[in-house]
Amino acid sequence: MLLALDVEGRVTMINRKGCSILGYCGKEVIGKNWFEEFLPVKFRPKAESVFTRIMAQEQGQEQYEYVENRLRTKGGEQRIIAWHNVVVWDKNGAVVGTLSSGQDITERKMAQAAREKLIQSLKAAISKTQTIRGILSICARCKKIRDEKGNWIHVETYVSQRSGAQFSHGLCPECAKELYPDIQLEENDER
């Protein structure tokens, strides 16, 4: 969007794209104080401060200033705009206002925020998850595992302490047949 403000911060020009973003037609915008009419109250002081700094530039100085701020649409929605600003002088060298080009970056900022939230969520999940690595000493008979301190503990305890996994117990068909030969199991039955 393109936007021109006079030294008082009143809109002197806005293009169709700017009107489209704001939800107003040009005649509803021209002559209005940009800061009072189109910026959320919370963000006005900072935006007015930037405007004052831009207006204070002298001819020949670096004229551009990049800033991101929010504006309020006719429907009350807030949009985030990335602005590039330049001071406009008249033929006598007097400051007459600013000319700004702005790009609506609302969706990009929302996507970045969602991405950061997801990254933090994944980091939290990863920090809660421990992995079991390396070679584990396991008893060939009772299946206890020797831990880092040399203690022999049940495999369920070892895995639960290091991964957060929980166990339930049952019997596979082979063990059920060996332990309880008199019980007839159906083919897919597990105990």
C-alpha atoms as a PDB file:
ATOM      1  CA  MET A   1       0.000   0.000   0.000  1.00  0.00           C
ATOM      2  CA  LEU A   2       1.059   3.605  -0.542  1.00  0.00           C
ATOM      3  CA  LEU A   3       0.296   6.294   2.014  1.00  0.00           C
ATOM      4  CA  ALA A   4       1.197   9.996   2.240  1.00  0.00           C
ATOM      5  CA  LEU A   5       0.876  11.983   5.471  1.00  0.00           C
ATOM      6  CA  ASP A   6       1.287  15.714   6.031  1.00  0.00           C
ATOM      7  CA  VAL A   7       3.354  17.163   8.889  1.00  0.00           C
ATOM      8  CA  GLU A   8       0.360  16.800  11.237  1.00  0.00           C
ATOM      9  CA  GLY A   9      -0.076  13.108  10.443  1.00  0.00           C
ATOM     10  CA  ARG A  10      -3.180  13.610   8.276  1.00  0.00           C
ATOM     11  CA  VAL A  11      -3.650  11.392   5.235  1.00  0.00           C
ATOM     12  CA  THR A  12      -3.065  13.283   1.974  1.00  0.00           C
ATOM     13  CA  MET A  13      -2.979  10.250  -0.337  1.00  0.00           C
ATOM     14  CA  ILE A  14      -3.725   6.534  -0.161  1.00  0.00           C
ATOM     15  CA  ASN A  15      -3.834   4.063  -3.040  1.00  0.00           C
ATOM     16  CA  ARG A  16      -6.529   1.459  -3.780  1.00  0.00           C
ATOM     17  CA  LYS A  17      -4.561  -1.315  -2.123  1.00  0.00           C
ATOM     18  CA  GLY A  18      -4.353   0.728   1.070  1.00  0.00           C
ATOM     19  CA  CYS A  19      -8.087   1.361   0.983  1.00  0.00           C
ATOM     20  CA  SER A  20      -8.668  -2.343   0.395  1.00  0.00           C
ATOM     21  CA  ILE A  21      -6.553  -3.327   3.413  1.00  0.00           C
ATOM     22  CA  LEU A  22      -8.279  -0.741   5.610  1.00  0.00           C
ATOM     23  CA  GLY A  23     -11.772  -1.513   4.293  1.00  0.00           C
ATOM     24  CA  TYR A  24     -12.509   2.156   3.524  1.00  0.00           C
ATOM     25  CA  CYS A  25     -12.873   4.109   0.320  1.00  0.00           C
ATOM     26  CA  GLY A  26     -10.390   6.911  -0.323  1.00  0.00           C
ATOM     27  CA  LYS A  27     -12.703   9.789   0.624  1.00  0.00           C
ATOM     28  CA  GLU A  28     -13.262   8.172   4.065  1.00  0.00           C
ATOM     29  CA  VAL A  29      -9.508   8.227   4.685  1.00  0.00           C
ATOM     30  CA  ILE A  30      -8.198  11.468   3.116  1.00  0.00           C
ATOM     31  CA  GLY A  31      -7.819  14.280   5.651  1.00  0.00           C
ATOM     32  CA  LYS A  32      -8.102  11.987   8.696  1.00  0.00           C
ATOM     33  CA  ASN A  33      -5.371  11.787  11.324  1.00  0.00           C
ATOM     34  CA  TRP A  34      -3.656   8.499  10.559  1.00  0.00           C
ATOM     35  CA  PHE A  35      -2.692   7.747  14.134  1.00  0.00           C
ATOM     36  CA  GLU A  36      -6.039   8.574  15.751  1.00  0.00           C
ATOM     37  CA  GLU A  37      -8.262   6.966  13.132  1.00  0.00           C
ATOM     38  CA  PHE A  38      -6.401   3.915  11.877  1.00  0.00           C
ATOM     39  CA  LEU A  39      -4.058   2.686  14.611  1.00  0.00           C
ATOM     40  CA  PRO A  40      -5.092   0.740  17.728  1.00  0.00           C
ATOM     41  CA  VAL A  41      -4.779   2.944  20.828  1.00  0.00           C
ATOM     42  CA  LYS A  42      -2.138   0.671  22.362  1.00  0.00           C
ATOM     43  CA  PHE A  43       0.246   1.177  19.425  1.00  0.00           C
ATOM     44  CA  ARG A  44      -0.231   4.916  18.788  1.00  0.00           C
ATOM     45  CA  PRO A  45       2.534   6.324  21.032  1.00  0.00           C
ATOM     46  CA  LYS A  46       5.265   4.224  19.409  1.00  0.00           C
ATOM     47  CA  ALA A  47       4.021   4.969  15.875  1.00  0.00           C
ATOM     48  CA  GLU A  48       3.786   8.704  16.603  1.00  0.00           C
ATOM     49  CA  SER A  49       7.321   8.623  18.017  1.00  0.00           C
ATOM     50  CA  VAL A  50       8.627   7.001  14.816  1.00  0.00           C
ATOM     51  CA  PHE A  51       6.746   9.588  12.739  1.00  0.00           C
ATOM     52  CA  THR A  52       8.342  12.415  14.755  1.00  0.00           C
ATOM     53  CA  ARG A  53      11.824  10.938  14.194  1.00  0.00           C
ATOM     54  CA  ILE A  54      11.200  10.585  10.465  1.00  0.00           C
ATOM     55  CA  MET A  55       9.909  14.158  10.233  1.00  0.00           C
ATOM     56  CA  ALA A  56      13.004  15.462  12.061  1.00  0.00           C
ATOM     57  CA  GLN A  57      15.381  14.214   9.359  1.00  0.00           C
ATOM     58  CA  GLU A  58      17.263  16.844   7.455  1.00  0.00           C
ATOM     59  CA  GLN A  59      17.571  16.855   3.694  1.00  0.00           C
ATOM     60  CA  GLY A  60      20.533  14.734   2.602  1.00  0.00           C
ATOM     61  CA  GLN A  61      20.331  12.383   5.597  1.00  0.00           C
ATOM     62  CA  GLU A  62      19.373   8.742   5.195  1.00  0.00           C
ATOM     63  CA  GLN A  63      15.673   9.143   4.549  1.00  0.00           C
ATOM     64  CA  TYR A  64      14.332   5.648   4.908  1.00  0.00           C
ATOM     65  CA  GLU A  65      13.165   4.045   8.069  1.00  0.00           C
ATOM     66  CA  TYR A  66      11.745   0.537   8.252  1.00  0.00           C
ATOM     67  CA  VAL A  67       9.115  -0.124  10.878  1.00  0.00           C
ATOM     68  CA  GLU A  68       6.396  -2.674  11.528  1.00  0.00           C
ATOM     69  CA  ASN A  69       3.195  -1.666  13.223  1.00  0.00           C
ATOM     70  CA  ARG A  70      -0.457  -2.523  13.482  1.00  0.00           C
ATOM     71  CA  LEU A  71      -3.379  -0.752  11.935  1.00  0.00           C
ATOM     72  CA  ARG A  72      -7.077  -1.098  12.624  1.00  0.00           C
ATOM     73  CA  THR A  73      -9.431  -1.847   9.747  1.00  0.00           C
ATOM     74  CA  LYS A  74     -12.965  -0.535   9.377  1.00  0.00           C
ATOM     75  CA  GLY A  75     -14.212  -3.886  10.692  1.00  0.00           C
ATOM     76  CA  GLY A  76     -12.020  -3.593  13.812  1.00  0.00           C
ATOM     77  CA  GLU A  77      -9.492  -6.202  12.699  1.00  0.00           C
ATOM     78  CA  GLN A  78      -5.813  -5.534  13.320  1.00  0.00           C
ATOM     79  CA  ARG A  79      -3.326  -5.995  10.480  1.00  0.00           C
ATOM     80  CA  ILE A  80       0.471  -5.913  10.774  1.00  0.00           C
ATOM     81  CA  ILE A  81       2.144  -3.726   8.160  1.00  0.00           C
ATOM     82  CA  ALA A  82       5.844  -3.491   7.281  1.00  0.00           C
ATOM     83  CA  TRP A  83       6.522   0.126   6.308  1.00  0.00           C
ATOM     84  CA  HIS A  84       9.289   1.867   4.398  1.00  0.00           C
ATOM     85  CA  ASN A  85       9.125   5.615   4.984  1.00  0.00           C
ATOM     86  CA  VAL A  86      10.667   8.643   3.353  1.00  0.00           C
ATOM     87  CA  VAL A  87      10.428  12.356   4.129  1.00  0.00           C
ATOM     88  CA  VAL A  88       8.946  14.611   1.448  1.00  0.00           C
ATOM     89  CA  TRP A  89      10.276  18.180   1.041  1.00  0.00           C
ATOM     90  CA  ASP A  90       8.900  21.039  -1.001  1.00  0.00           C
ATOM     91  CA  LYS A  91      11.007  22.954  -3.538  1.00  0.00           C
ATOM     92  CA  ASN A  92      12.256  25.291  -0.776  1.00  0.00           C
ATOM     93  CA  GLY A  93      13.579  22.379   1.326  1.00  0.00           C
ATOM     94  CA  ALA A  94      10.785  22.504   3.910  1.00  0.00           C
ATOM     95  CA  VAL A  95       9.410  19.185   5.185  1.00  0.00           C
ATOM     96  CA  VAL A  96       5.837  18.705   3.968  1.00  0.00           C
ATOM     97  CA  GLY A  97       5.165  15.125   5.070  1.00  0.00           C
ATOM     98  CA  THR A  98       6.023  11.491   4.532  1.00  0.00           C
ATOM     99  CA  LEU A  99       5.490   8.940   1.821  1.00  0.00           C
ATOM    100  CA  SER A 100       5.274   5.349   2.962  1.00  0.00           C
ATOM    101  CA  SER A 101       4.976   2.013   1.232  1.00  0.00           C
ATOM    102  CA  GLY A 102       3.576  -0.782   3.313  1.00  0.00           C
ATOM    103  CA  GLN A 103       3.161  -4.512   2.958  1.00  0.00           C
ATOM    104  CA  ASP A 104       0.588  -6.508   4.916  1.00  0.00           C
ATOM    105  CA  ILE A 105       2.619  -9.160   6.751  1.00  0.00           C
ATOM    106  CA  THR A 106      -0.123 -10.336   9.118  1.00  0.00           C
ATOM    107  CA  GLU A 107      -0.316 -13.896   7.809  1.00  0.00           C
ATOM    108  CA  ARG A 108       3.457 -14.245   7.773  1.00  0.00           C
ATOM    109  CA  LYS A 109       3.693 -13.039  11.395  1.00  0.00           C
ATOM    110  CA  MET A 110       0.913 -15.405  12.450  1.00  0.00           C
ATOM    111  CA  ALA A 111       2.662 -18.305  10.697  1.00  0.00           C
ATOM    112  CA  GLN A 112       5.941 -17.390  12.419  1.00  0.00           C
ATOM    113  CA  ALA A 113       4.217 -17.258  15.805  1.00  0.00           C
ATOM    114  CA  ALA A 114       2.551 -20.630  15.174  1.00  0.00           C
ATOM    115  CA  ARG A 115       5.889 -22.068  14.069  1.00  0.00           C
ATOM    116  CA  GLU A 116       7.630 -20.803  17.213  1.00  0.00           C
ATOM    117  CA  LYS A 117       4.852 -22.213  19.381  1.00  0.00           C
ATOM    118  CA  LEU A 118       5.176 -25.588  17.650  1.00  0.00           C
ATOM    119  CA  ILE A 119       8.972 -25.552  18.070  1.00  0.00           C
ATOM    120  CA  GLN A 120       8.605 -24.812  21.794  1.00  0.00           C
ATOM    121  CA  SER A 121       6.015 -27.574  22.116  1.00  0.00           C
ATOM    122  CA  LEU A 122       8.286 -30.050  20.338  1.00  0.00           C
ATOM    123  CA  LYS A 123      11.267 -29.030  22.468  1.00  0.00           C
ATOM    124  CA  ALA A 124       9.177 -29.582  25.605  1.00  0.00           C
ATOM    125  CA  ALA A 125       8.066 -32.997  24.354  1.00  0.00           C
ATOM    126  CA  ILE A 126      11.625 -33.976  23.458  1.00  0.00           C
ATOM    127  CA  SER A 127      12.922 -32.886  26.850  1.00  0.00           C
ATOM    128  CA  LYS A 128      10.372 -35.195  28.493  1.00  0.00           C
ATOM    129  CA  THR A 129      11.346 -38.111  26.297  1.00  0.00           C
ATOM    130  CA  GLN A 130      14.520 -39.985  27.033  1.00  0.00           C
ATOM    131  CA  THR A 131      15.948 -42.582  24.740  1.00  0.00           C
ATOM    132  CA  ILE A 132      17.640 -45.786  25.704  1.00  0.00           C
ATOM    133  CA  ARG A 133      20.884 -46.264  23.795  1.00  0.00           C
ATOM    134  CA  GLY A 134      23.932 -48.410  23.781  1.00  0.00           C
ATOM    135  CA  ILE A 135      24.469 -51.994  24.826  1.00  0.00           C
ATOM    136  CA  LEU A 136      22.379 -53.148  27.776  1.00  0.00           C
ATOM    137  CA  SER A 137      23.430 -56.032  30.004  1.00  0.00           C
ATOM    138  CA  ILE A 138      20.403 -58.268  30.469  1.00  0.00           C
ATOM    139  CA  CYS A 139      20.176 -61.506  32.448  1.00  0.00           C
ATOM    140  CA  ALA A 140      19.564 -64.412  30.079  1.00  0.00           C
ATOM    141  CA  ARG A 141      17.272 -66.101  32.594  1.00  0.00           C
ATOM    142  CA  CYS A 142      15.232 -63.516  34.530  1.00  0.00           C
ATOM    143  CA  LYS A 143      15.617 -60.636  32.010  1.00  0.00           C
ATOM    144  CA  LYS A 144      16.744 -58.089  34.628  1.00  0.00           C
ATOM    145  CA  ILE A 145      18.909 -55.270  33.290  1.00  0.00           C
ATOM    146  CA  ARG A 146      22.087 -53.990  34.909  1.00  0.00           C
ATOM    147  CA  ASP A 147      21.848 -50.186  35.288  1.00  0.00           C
ATOM    148  CA  GLU A 148      24.646 -47.588  35.279  1.00  0.00           C
ATOM    149  CA  LYS A 149      25.304 -48.202  39.000  1.00  0.00           C
ATOM    150  CA  GLY A 150      25.631 -51.961  38.552  1.00  0.00           C
ATOM    151  CA  ASN A 151      22.243 -52.789  40.086  1.00  0.00           C
ATOM    152  CA  TRP A 152      20.069 -55.460  38.480  1.00  0.00           C
ATOM    153  CA  ILE A 153      16.503 -54.227  38.013  1.00  0.00           C
ATOM    154  CA  HIS A 154      13.411 -55.517  36.242  1.00  0.00           C
ATOM    155  CA  VAL A 155      13.261 -54.600  32.579  1.00  0.00           C
ATOM    156  CA  GLU A 156       9.896 -52.872  33.128  1.00  0.00           C
ATOM    157  CA  THR A 157      11.359 -50.644  35.846  1.00  0.00           C
ATOM    158  CA  TYR A 158      14.427 -49.838  33.774  1.00  0.00           C
ATOM    159  CA  VAL A 159      12.426 -48.850  30.683  1.00  0.00           C
ATOM    160  CA  SER A 160       9.765 -46.929  32.664  1.00  0.00           C
ATOM    161  CA  GLN A 161      12.370 -44.855  34.518  1.00  0.00           C
ATOM    162  CA  ARG A 162      14.093 -43.854  31.296  1.00  0.00           C
ATOM    163  CA  SER A 163      11.210 -43.403  28.887  1.00  0.00           C
ATOM    164  CA  GLY A 164       8.008 -42.800  30.807  1.00  0.00           C
ATOM    165  CA  ALA A 165       6.508 -45.924  29.216  1.00  0.00           C
ATOM    166  CA  GLN A 166       4.107 -47.951  31.338  1.00  0.00           C
ATOM    167  CA  PHE A 167       3.539 -51.668  31.145  1.00  0.00           C
ATOM    168  CA  SER A 168       0.589 -53.993  31.482  1.00  0.00           C
ATOM    169  CA  HIS A 169       1.129 -57.708  31.760  1.00  0.00           C
ATOM    170  CA  GLY A 170      -0.283 -60.667  29.941  1.00  0.00           C
ATOM    171  CA  LEU A 171       0.845 -64.029  28.593  1.00  0.00           C
ATOM    172  CA  CYS A 172       1.766 -64.829  25.048  1.00  0.00           C
ATOM    173  CA  PRO A 173       0.164 -68.016  23.686  1.00  0.00           C
ATOM    174  CA  GLU A 174       3.399 -70.045  23.978  1.00  0.00           C
ATOM    175  CA  CYS A 175       3.914 -69.148  27.657  1.00  0.00           C
ATOM    176  CA  ALA A 176       0.232 -69.657  28.473  1.00  0.00           C
ATOM    177  CA  LYS A 177       0.399 -73.166  26.945  1.00  0.00           C
ATOM    178  CA  GLU A 178       3.574 -73.972  28.888  1.00  0.00           C
ATOM    179  CA  LEU A 179       2.283 -72.639  32.233  1.00  0.00           C
ATOM    180  CA  TYR A 180      -1.320 -73.766  31.891  1.00  0.00           C
ATOM    181  CA  PRO A 181      -1.354 -76.872  29.658  1.00  0.00           C
ATOM    182  CA  ASP A 182      -4.869 -77.852  30.779  1.00  0.00           C
ATOM    183  CA  ILE A 183      -6.497 -74.619  29.537  1.00  0.00           C
ATOM    184  CA  GLN A 184      -7.628 -74.656  25.942  1.00  0.00           C
ATOM    185  CA  LEU A 185      -6.965 -71.272  24.214  1.00  0.00           C
ATOM    186  CA  GLU A 186      -8.551 -70.165  21.015  1.00  0.00           C
ATOM    187  CA  GLU A 187      -6.142 -69.232  18.225  1.00  0.00           C
ATOM    188  CA  ASN A 188      -6.156 -65.432  18.779  1.00  0.00           C
ATOM    189  CA  ASP A 189      -6.850 -65.522  22.508  1.00  0.00           C
ATOM    190  CA  GLU A 190      -4.282 -63.780  24.744  1.00  0.00           C
ATOM    191  CA  ARG A 191      -4.269 -63.795  28.512  1.00  0.00           C
END
